[in-house]
Amino acid sequence: MAHANLDGMVLVPGPNLRYFTGVNSFLLERLFVLLVPSEGEPRLIAPEIESGPYRRSATAMEIYSWTDSQGPDSALRKGAAAVRGGSRWGIEGRSPYLYLSRLLKIARIRPEDGEPLLQGLREVKDKAEVRTLKKSSKILSEAFMEIPGMLHEGMTEIELAKSVADVIYSKGASQVDDLLVQSGPRGADSHSGPSSRRIMRGEPLVMDLGSSLDGYHSDITRTFCVGSPRRFEKEYGSVAQANDLAREAAVEGAEVGDVDGAARRSLAADGLGERFTHRTGHGLGLEVHEAPYIIPGGKEKLRNGMFFTVEPGVYFPGKMGVRIEDDLTIEGGRSVTITDIPRELGWWR
């Protein structure tokens, strides 16, 4: 905060609060903020029903709790009493206006964007975080290897998603997150959930699955098919090659734009450049999408301890989509692919 010329930081329930306190809370309508001054102890203003775990946290903090009958204003005034008016405070990006409007009336601080600082602190993982992330990806990888035995023509996307969720939990995941199961033309809608559509023979089936272990996320995508994948053999091969080249480019010191460019140039050479409509990857940690972001032209350099995805894809609206996503980390200056799942066409047959 001193380096960013900030007098403090405002955190709300979510990954950042969990990172600094070890406690996971829900972001709901009741006012709940942690005020972290650049000097002195943090001050938590939280509902009484939520404050118990923070009293037991290893992070020292002053706690000002409130009940529904009292309302939050008195606790907020006490907690913010030492905040100097007009001082510059970084605000976490997910902070709801419902919280900020009350805070700004009472504390009268100058709000600044706190996300660059917070993302920068969390994007390089320590050894314990890397161990957990590797285990999280291993759990999801093992679940993926059982999908071929569950997959059959005529089942709905929702039915398959439910079966896969059960397997992920059985492998040891703490939580199953978004399960994107998209068959045939729905594969072109890269962020849509499973539907009642029935899986048909010969169609590509994009399965983008996420789960977490102790709060740390894994995120893997493979494209399957019931029967022969001949209809999309060329496109699948191009995406697999783009995935390989991007993973090879992901070394310590490489700019994220160079990693993205490796995938993008490969697909463009196959005449599929315009079909690749999103970034090549994103960081993984306490959020399923966090820094570093593997984007076109990005100048941020990869460092040891970063954990991220590589996920090129191509999409044909109304027809199909193909995507292959892996989880990686940088160790000893080189990329290590954590997801131990085949990528060759037809491996699932």
Protein backbone atom coordinates (compact mmCIF):
# COMPACT_ATOMS: atom_id res chain seq x y z
CA MET A 1 0.00 0.00 0.00
CA ALA A 2 2.86 2.37 0.77
CA HIS A 3 4.36 1.71 -2.66
CA ALA A 4 0.96 2.41 -4.28
CA ASN A 5 0.55 5.59 -2.19
CA LEU A 6 -2.55 4.18 -0.49
CA ASP A 7 -3.57 4.84 3.10
CA GLY A 8 -5.56 1.64 3.32
CA MET A 9 -7.52 -1.10 1.58
CA VAL A 10 -11.18 -2.10 1.74
CA LEU A 11 -11.84 -5.85 1.49
CA VAL A 12 -15.17 -7.67 1.34
CA PRO A 13 -16.13 -11.37 1.65
CA GLY A 14 -14.49 -13.41 -1.08
CA PRO A 15 -11.07 -14.62 -2.15
CA ASN A 16 -9.04 -11.65 -0.90
CA LEU A 17 -10.55 -11.71 2.58
CA ARG A 18 -9.95 -15.47 2.67
CA TYR A 19 -6.36 -15.00 1.52
CA PHE A 20 -5.51 -12.60 4.35
CA THR A 21 -7.58 -14.11 7.17
CA GLY A 22 -8.03 -17.78 6.31
CA VAL A 23 -11.81 -17.39 6.69
CA ASN A 24 -14.33 -17.86 3.88
CA SER A 25 -17.55 -15.82 4.10
CA PHE A 26 -20.51 -15.14 1.85
CA LEU A 27 -20.94 -11.84 0.05
CA LEU A 28 -24.56 -11.06 0.95
CA GLU A 29 -26.70 -7.98 1.59
CA ARG A 30 -25.50 -7.37 5.17
CA LEU A 31 -22.66 -4.82 5.33
CA PHE A 32 -19.35 -6.66 5.80
CA VAL A 33 -15.98 -4.95 5.23
CA LEU A 34 -12.42 -5.29 6.45
CA LEU A 35 -10.63 -1.94 6.64
CA VAL A 36 -6.87 -2.51 6.37
CA PRO A 37 -4.93 0.69 7.12
CA SER A 38 -1.35 1.07 5.95
CA GLU A 39 -0.41 1.36 9.64
CA GLY A 40 -2.13 -0.30 12.59
CA GLU A 41 -4.47 -3.27 12.95
CA PRO A 42 -7.21 -4.08 10.44
CA ARG A 43 -10.78 -3.34 11.51
CA LEU A 44 -13.58 -5.74 10.65
CA ILE A 45 -17.14 -4.47 10.49
CA ALA A 46 -19.30 -7.56 10.15
CA PRO A 47 -22.67 -9.05 11.14
CA GLU A 48 -22.51 -10.77 14.53
CA ILE A 49 -23.62 -14.04 12.95
CA GLU A 50 -20.56 -13.93 10.65
CA SER A 51 -17.88 -12.66 13.01
CA GLY A 52 -17.15 -15.80 15.09
CA PRO A 53 -14.51 -17.37 12.79
CA TYR A 54 -12.68 -14.03 12.57
CA ARG A 55 -12.32 -13.89 16.36
CA ARG A 56 -10.44 -17.20 16.04
CA SER A 57 -8.40 -16.15 13.00
CA ALA A 58 -4.61 -15.98 13.21
CA THR A 59 -4.86 -12.52 11.66
CA ALA A 60 -5.00 -9.86 14.38
CA MET A 61 -7.88 -7.43 13.90
CA GLU A 62 -10.32 -5.25 15.79
CA ILE A 63 -13.88 -6.51 15.35
CA TYR A 64 -16.98 -4.32 15.37
CA SER A 65 -20.00 -6.56 15.00
CA TRP A 66 -23.65 -5.64 14.58
CA THR A 67 -27.01 -7.38 14.72
CA ASP A 68 -30.04 -7.03 12.48
CA SER A 69 -31.90 -5.12 15.20
CA GLN A 70 -29.00 -2.65 15.62
CA GLY A 71 -28.13 -2.11 11.97
CA PRO A 72 -24.56 -1.55 10.73
CA ASP A 73 -24.12 2.23 11.01
CA SER A 74 -22.96 2.39 14.65
CA ALA A 75 -20.43 -0.43 14.16
CA LEU A 76 -19.25 1.21 10.94
CA ARG A 77 -18.73 4.58 12.65
CA LYS A 78 -16.70 2.98 15.43
CA GLY A 79 -14.64 0.89 13.03
CA ALA A 80 -13.95 3.81 10.72
CA ALA A 81 -13.37 6.39 13.47
CA ALA A 82 -9.60 6.43 12.96
CA VAL A 83 -9.83 6.68 9.16
CA ARG A 84 -8.59 10.10 8.12
CA GLY A 85 -11.02 12.00 5.92
CA GLY A 86 -9.81 12.47 2.35
CA SER A 87 -7.23 9.69 2.59
CA ARG A 88 -6.70 7.41 -0.41
CA TRP A 89 -8.05 3.89 0.06
CA GLY A 90 -7.94 1.05 -2.42
CA ILE A 91 -11.30 -0.62 -3.01
CA GLU A 92 -11.59 -4.29 -3.89
CA GLY A 93 -13.29 -4.61 -7.27
CA ARG A 94 -16.07 -6.91 -6.10
CA SER A 95 -17.20 -4.45 -3.41
CA PRO A 96 -20.96 -3.87 -3.84
CA TYR A 97 -22.37 -0.36 -4.05
CA LEU A 98 -24.64 -1.32 -1.14
CA TYR A 99 -21.53 -1.42 1.08
CA LEU A 100 -19.60 1.46 -0.47
CA SER A 101 -22.39 4.01 -0.33
CA ARG A 102 -22.61 3.59 3.45
CA LEU A 103 -18.83 3.49 3.92
CA LEU A 104 -18.18 6.62 1.87
CA LYS A 105 -20.80 8.63 3.75
CA ILE A 106 -19.24 7.80 7.10
CA ALA A 107 -15.51 7.50 6.35
CA ARG A 108 -15.36 10.12 3.56
CA ILE A 109 -12.31 8.50 1.97
CA ARG A 110 -11.07 8.93 -1.58
CA PRO A 111 -11.71 5.57 -3.29
CA GLU A 112 -9.05 4.18 -5.63
CA ASP A 113 -8.86 0.97 -7.65
CA GLY A 114 -7.35 -1.67 -5.38
CA GLU A 115 -7.50 -4.58 -7.82
CA PRO A 116 -4.00 -4.23 -9.37
CA LEU A 117 -2.41 -4.43 -5.92
CA LEU A 118 -4.58 -7.35 -4.75
CA GLN A 119 -4.18 -9.37 -7.95
CA GLY A 120 -0.43 -8.76 -7.91
CA LEU A 121 -0.10 -10.09 -4.37
CA ARG A 122 -1.98 -13.31 -5.13
CA GLU A 123 -0.77 -14.25 -8.60
CA VAL A 124 2.56 -15.79 -7.52
CA LYS A 125 1.76 -18.79 -5.34
CA ASP A 126 3.81 -20.03 -2.42
CA LYS A 127 4.80 -23.69 -2.09
CA ALA A 128 1.76 -24.65 -0.03
CA GLU A 129 -0.58 -23.05 -2.56
CA VAL A 130 1.13 -24.81 -5.45
CA ARG A 131 0.78 -28.15 -3.68
CA THR A 132 -2.93 -27.57 -3.17
CA LEU A 133 -3.45 -26.39 -6.75
CA LYS A 134 -1.63 -29.45 -8.11
CA LYS A 135 -3.78 -31.74 -6.00
CA SER A 136 -6.91 -29.87 -7.09
CA SER A 137 -6.00 -30.36 -10.76
CA LYS A 138 -5.16 -34.02 -10.15
CA ILE A 139 -8.62 -34.62 -8.68
CA LEU A 140 -10.32 -33.08 -11.70
CA SER A 141 -7.99 -34.88 -14.12
CA GLU A 142 -8.88 -38.23 -12.57
CA ALA A 143 -12.57 -37.41 -12.94
CA PHE A 144 -12.08 -36.55 -16.62
CA MET A 145 -10.61 -39.98 -17.26
CA GLU A 146 -13.92 -41.54 -16.21
CA ILE A 147 -16.06 -39.46 -18.58
CA PRO A 148 -15.72 -41.84 -21.57
CA GLY A 149 -17.37 -44.60 -19.52
CA MET A 150 -20.33 -42.34 -18.69
CA LEU A 151 -20.88 -40.87 -22.14
CA HIS A 152 -23.54 -42.32 -24.43
CA GLU A 153 -25.83 -41.18 -27.20
CA GLY A 154 -29.22 -39.84 -26.17
CA MET A 155 -28.37 -38.69 -22.65
CA THR A 156 -28.96 -35.03 -21.92
CA GLU A 157 -26.24 -32.53 -21.11
CA ILE A 158 -27.75 -32.07 -17.65
CA GLU A 159 -27.72 -35.80 -16.97
CA LEU A 160 -24.06 -36.02 -17.92
CA ALA A 161 -23.18 -32.96 -15.82
CA LYS A 162 -24.83 -34.48 -12.73
CA SER A 163 -22.99 -37.77 -13.18
CA VAL A 164 -19.64 -36.01 -13.62
CA ALA A 165 -20.23 -33.84 -10.54
CA ASP A 166 -20.72 -36.97 -8.44
CA VAL A 167 -17.45 -38.41 -9.70
CA ILE A 168 -15.52 -35.19 -9.00
CA TYR A 169 -16.76 -35.18 -5.42
CA SER A 170 -15.88 -38.86 -5.05
CA LYS A 171 -12.30 -38.06 -6.05
CA GLY A 172 -11.95 -35.62 -3.15
CA ALA A 173 -12.99 -32.16 -4.40
CA SER A 174 -14.21 -29.71 -1.76
CA GLN A 175 -16.58 -28.08 -4.21
CA VAL A 176 -17.74 -28.57 -7.78
CA ASP A 177 -18.01 -25.26 -9.60
CA ASP A 178 -19.32 -24.47 -13.06
CA LEU A 179 -19.92 -27.53 -15.23
CA LEU A 180 -20.23 -26.47 -18.86
CA VAL A 181 -21.51 -29.30 -21.05
CA GLN A 182 -22.22 -28.17 -24.61
CA SER A 183 -23.08 -30.56 -27.42
CA GLY A 184 -23.26 -29.92 -31.15
CA PRO A 185 -24.15 -26.31 -32.03
CA ARG A 186 -24.21 -25.33 -28.35
CA GLY A 187 -20.45 -25.81 -28.30
CA ALA A 188 -20.12 -22.44 -30.02
CA ASP A 189 -21.55 -20.78 -26.89
CA SER A 190 -18.40 -21.17 -24.86
CA HIS A 191 -19.78 -20.06 -21.48
CA SER A 192 -23.26 -21.61 -21.37
CA GLY A 193 -24.36 -24.17 -18.81
CA PRO A 194 -25.74 -27.66 -19.52
CA SER A 195 -29.18 -27.92 -21.07
CA SER A 196 -31.82 -30.58 -21.70
CA ARG A 197 -30.44 -31.11 -25.22
CA ARG A 198 -29.65 -34.74 -25.99
CA ILE A 199 -26.14 -35.71 -27.03
CA MET A 200 -26.04 -36.94 -30.63
CA ARG A 201 -23.63 -39.29 -32.37
CA GLY A 202 -20.83 -37.68 -34.37
CA GLU A 203 -21.18 -34.24 -32.76
CA PRO A 204 -18.41 -32.52 -30.80
CA LEU A 205 -19.12 -32.27 -27.09
CA VAL A 206 -17.27 -29.51 -25.20
CA MET A 207 -16.90 -30.21 -21.48
CA ASP A 208 -15.41 -27.35 -19.43
CA LEU A 209 -15.36 -28.44 -15.79
CA GLY A 210 -14.20 -26.68 -12.65
CA SER A 211 -13.75 -27.79 -9.07
CA SER A 212 -11.81 -26.65 -6.03
CA LEU A 213 -9.87 -28.07 -3.11
CA ASP A 214 -9.67 -25.98 0.07
CA GLY A 215 -10.67 -22.97 -2.02
CA TYR A 216 -8.09 -23.47 -4.80
CA HIS A 217 -9.50 -24.00 -8.27
CA SER A 218 -8.81 -26.29 -11.18
CA ASP A 219 -10.30 -25.69 -14.63
CA ILE A 220 -10.06 -28.21 -17.47
CA THR A 221 -11.71 -28.56 -20.87
CA ARG A 222 -11.75 -31.44 -23.31
CA THR A 223 -13.82 -31.96 -26.46
CA PHE A 224 -15.38 -35.44 -26.79
CA CYS A 225 -17.59 -37.23 -29.29
CA VAL A 226 -19.91 -40.23 -29.30
CA GLY A 227 -18.92 -42.24 -32.34
CA SER A 228 -16.53 -41.06 -35.06
CA PRO A 229 -15.11 -37.50 -34.70
CA ARG A 230 -14.50 -37.18 -38.45
CA ARG A 231 -16.80 -34.15 -38.78
CA PHE A 232 -14.40 -32.01 -36.79
CA GLU A 233 -11.09 -33.84 -37.19
CA LYS A 234 -9.30 -30.89 -38.82
CA GLU A 235 -10.50 -28.34 -36.29
CA TYR A 236 -9.61 -30.60 -33.36
CA GLY A 237 -6.09 -31.13 -34.69
CA SER A 238 -5.58 -27.39 -35.10
CA VAL A 239 -6.72 -26.65 -31.54
CA ALA A 240 -4.55 -29.43 -30.11
CA GLN A 241 -1.52 -28.02 -31.93
CA ALA A 242 -2.27 -24.49 -30.70
CA ASN A 243 -2.49 -25.86 -27.17
CA ASP A 244 0.89 -27.58 -27.53
CA LEU A 245 2.60 -24.47 -28.89
CA ALA A 246 1.18 -22.17 -26.23
CA ARG A 247 2.28 -24.52 -23.46
CA GLU A 248 5.78 -24.68 -24.96
CA ALA A 249 5.94 -20.86 -25.07
CA ALA A 250 4.99 -20.54 -21.40
CA VAL A 251 8.40 -20.21 -19.76
CA GLU A 252 9.76 -17.92 -17.06
CA GLY A 253 10.22 -14.40 -18.42
CA ALA A 254 7.91 -14.89 -21.40
CA GLU A 255 5.34 -12.16 -21.91
CA VAL A 256 1.78 -13.41 -21.64
CA GLY A 257 1.14 -11.91 -25.07
CA ASP A 258 3.78 -14.21 -26.55
CA VAL A 259 2.03 -17.26 -25.10
CA ASP A 260 -1.29 -16.07 -26.49
CA GLY A 261 0.39 -15.28 -29.81
CA ALA A 262 1.79 -18.80 -30.14
CA ALA A 263 -1.73 -20.24 -30.04
CA ARG A 264 -3.25 -17.48 -32.15
CA ARG A 265 -0.64 -17.67 -34.94
CA SER A 266 -1.03 -21.44 -35.16
CA LEU A 267 -4.79 -21.24 -35.57
CA ALA A 268 -4.48 -18.37 -38.06
CA ALA A 269 -2.10 -20.47 -40.18
CA ASP A 270 -4.86 -23.08 -40.41
CA GLY A 271 -7.40 -20.47 -41.46
CA LEU A 272 -9.08 -20.47 -38.03
CA GLY A 273 -7.79 -17.23 -36.57
CA GLU A 274 -11.16 -15.48 -36.65
CA ARG A 275 -12.75 -18.48 -34.91
CA PHE A 276 -10.60 -18.01 -31.80
CA THR A 277 -12.65 -15.40 -29.98
CA HIS A 278 -11.25 -15.32 -26.43
CA ARG A 279 -7.93 -15.10 -24.57
CA THR A 280 -5.60 -18.09 -24.39
CA GLY A 281 -5.78 -18.43 -20.62
CA HIS A 282 -6.14 -17.04 -17.13
CA GLY A 283 -4.64 -17.48 -13.69
CA LEU A 284 -5.94 -20.01 -11.17
CA GLY A 285 -6.02 -19.75 -7.40
CA LEU A 286 -8.69 -18.73 -4.92
CA GLU A 287 -10.60 -17.56 -8.00
CA VAL A 288 -11.14 -19.60 -11.12
CA HIS A 289 -10.28 -16.48 -13.16
CA GLU A 290 -7.50 -14.29 -11.76
CA ALA A 291 -4.13 -12.86 -12.79
CA PRO A 292 -2.11 -13.53 -14.84
CA TYR A 293 -4.36 -13.18 -17.89
CA ILE A 294 -2.92 -14.72 -21.07
CA ILE A 295 -4.17 -12.06 -23.48
CA PRO A 296 -3.20 -10.74 -26.93
CA GLY A 297 -0.41 -8.20 -26.62
CA GLY A 298 -0.10 -8.64 -22.85
CA LYS A 299 3.23 -7.42 -21.45
CA GLU A 300 3.18 -9.09 -18.06
CA LYS A 301 5.96 -11.64 -17.68
CA LEU A 302 5.46 -15.14 -16.38
CA ARG A 303 7.25 -15.93 -13.12
CA ASN A 304 8.00 -19.02 -11.10
CA GLY A 305 5.04 -19.87 -8.92
CA MET A 306 2.36 -18.60 -11.30
CA PHE A 307 -0.47 -21.03 -11.99
CA PHE A 308 -2.66 -20.58 -15.08
CA THR A 309 -4.57 -22.20 -17.94
CA VAL A 310 -3.90 -22.58 -21.65
CA GLU A 311 -7.19 -23.05 -23.53
CA PRO A 312 -7.33 -22.25 -27.24
CA GLY A 313 -10.62 -22.93 -28.98
CA VAL A 314 -12.50 -22.37 -32.22
CA TYR A 315 -16.22 -21.68 -32.58
CA PHE A 316 -18.69 -21.91 -35.43
CA PRO A 317 -22.00 -20.30 -34.41
CA GLY A 318 -24.95 -22.59 -35.00
CA LYS A 319 -22.66 -25.53 -35.76
CA MET A 320 -20.05 -26.49 -33.16
CA GLY A 321 -17.10 -25.58 -30.94
CA VAL A 322 -13.78 -27.20 -30.02
CA ARG A 323 -11.63 -26.29 -26.99
CA ILE A 324 -8.76 -27.97 -25.14
CA GLU A 325 -7.74 -26.52 -21.78
CA ASP A 326 -4.89 -27.47 -19.44
CA ASP A 327 -3.60 -26.19 -16.09
CA LEU A 328 0.07 -25.16 -15.88
CA THR A 329 2.57 -23.74 -13.44
CA ILE A 330 6.05 -22.27 -13.89
CA GLU A 331 8.75 -24.18 -12.01
CA GLY A 332 12.49 -23.84 -12.40
CA GLY A 333 11.99 -21.46 -15.31
CA ARG A 334 9.88 -23.82 -17.41
CA SER A 335 6.20 -24.68 -17.70
CA VAL A 336 4.87 -27.81 -16.07
CA THR A 337 1.51 -29.11 -17.31
CA ILE A 338 -0.45 -30.37 -14.31
CA THR A 339 -3.44 -31.85 -16.13
CA ASP A 340 -2.60 -35.44 -17.00
CA ILE A 341 -5.27 -36.09 -19.62
CA PRO A 342 -4.69 -37.15 -23.27
CA ARG A 343 -5.19 -34.59 -26.02
CA GLU A 344 -5.03 -36.69 -29.17
CA LEU A 345 -8.17 -37.04 -31.27
CA GLY A 346 -10.31 -39.99 -30.23
CA TRP A 347 -8.46 -40.82 -27.01
CA TRP A 348 -11.82 -41.29 -25.29
CA ARG A 349 -12.99 -44.12 -27.58
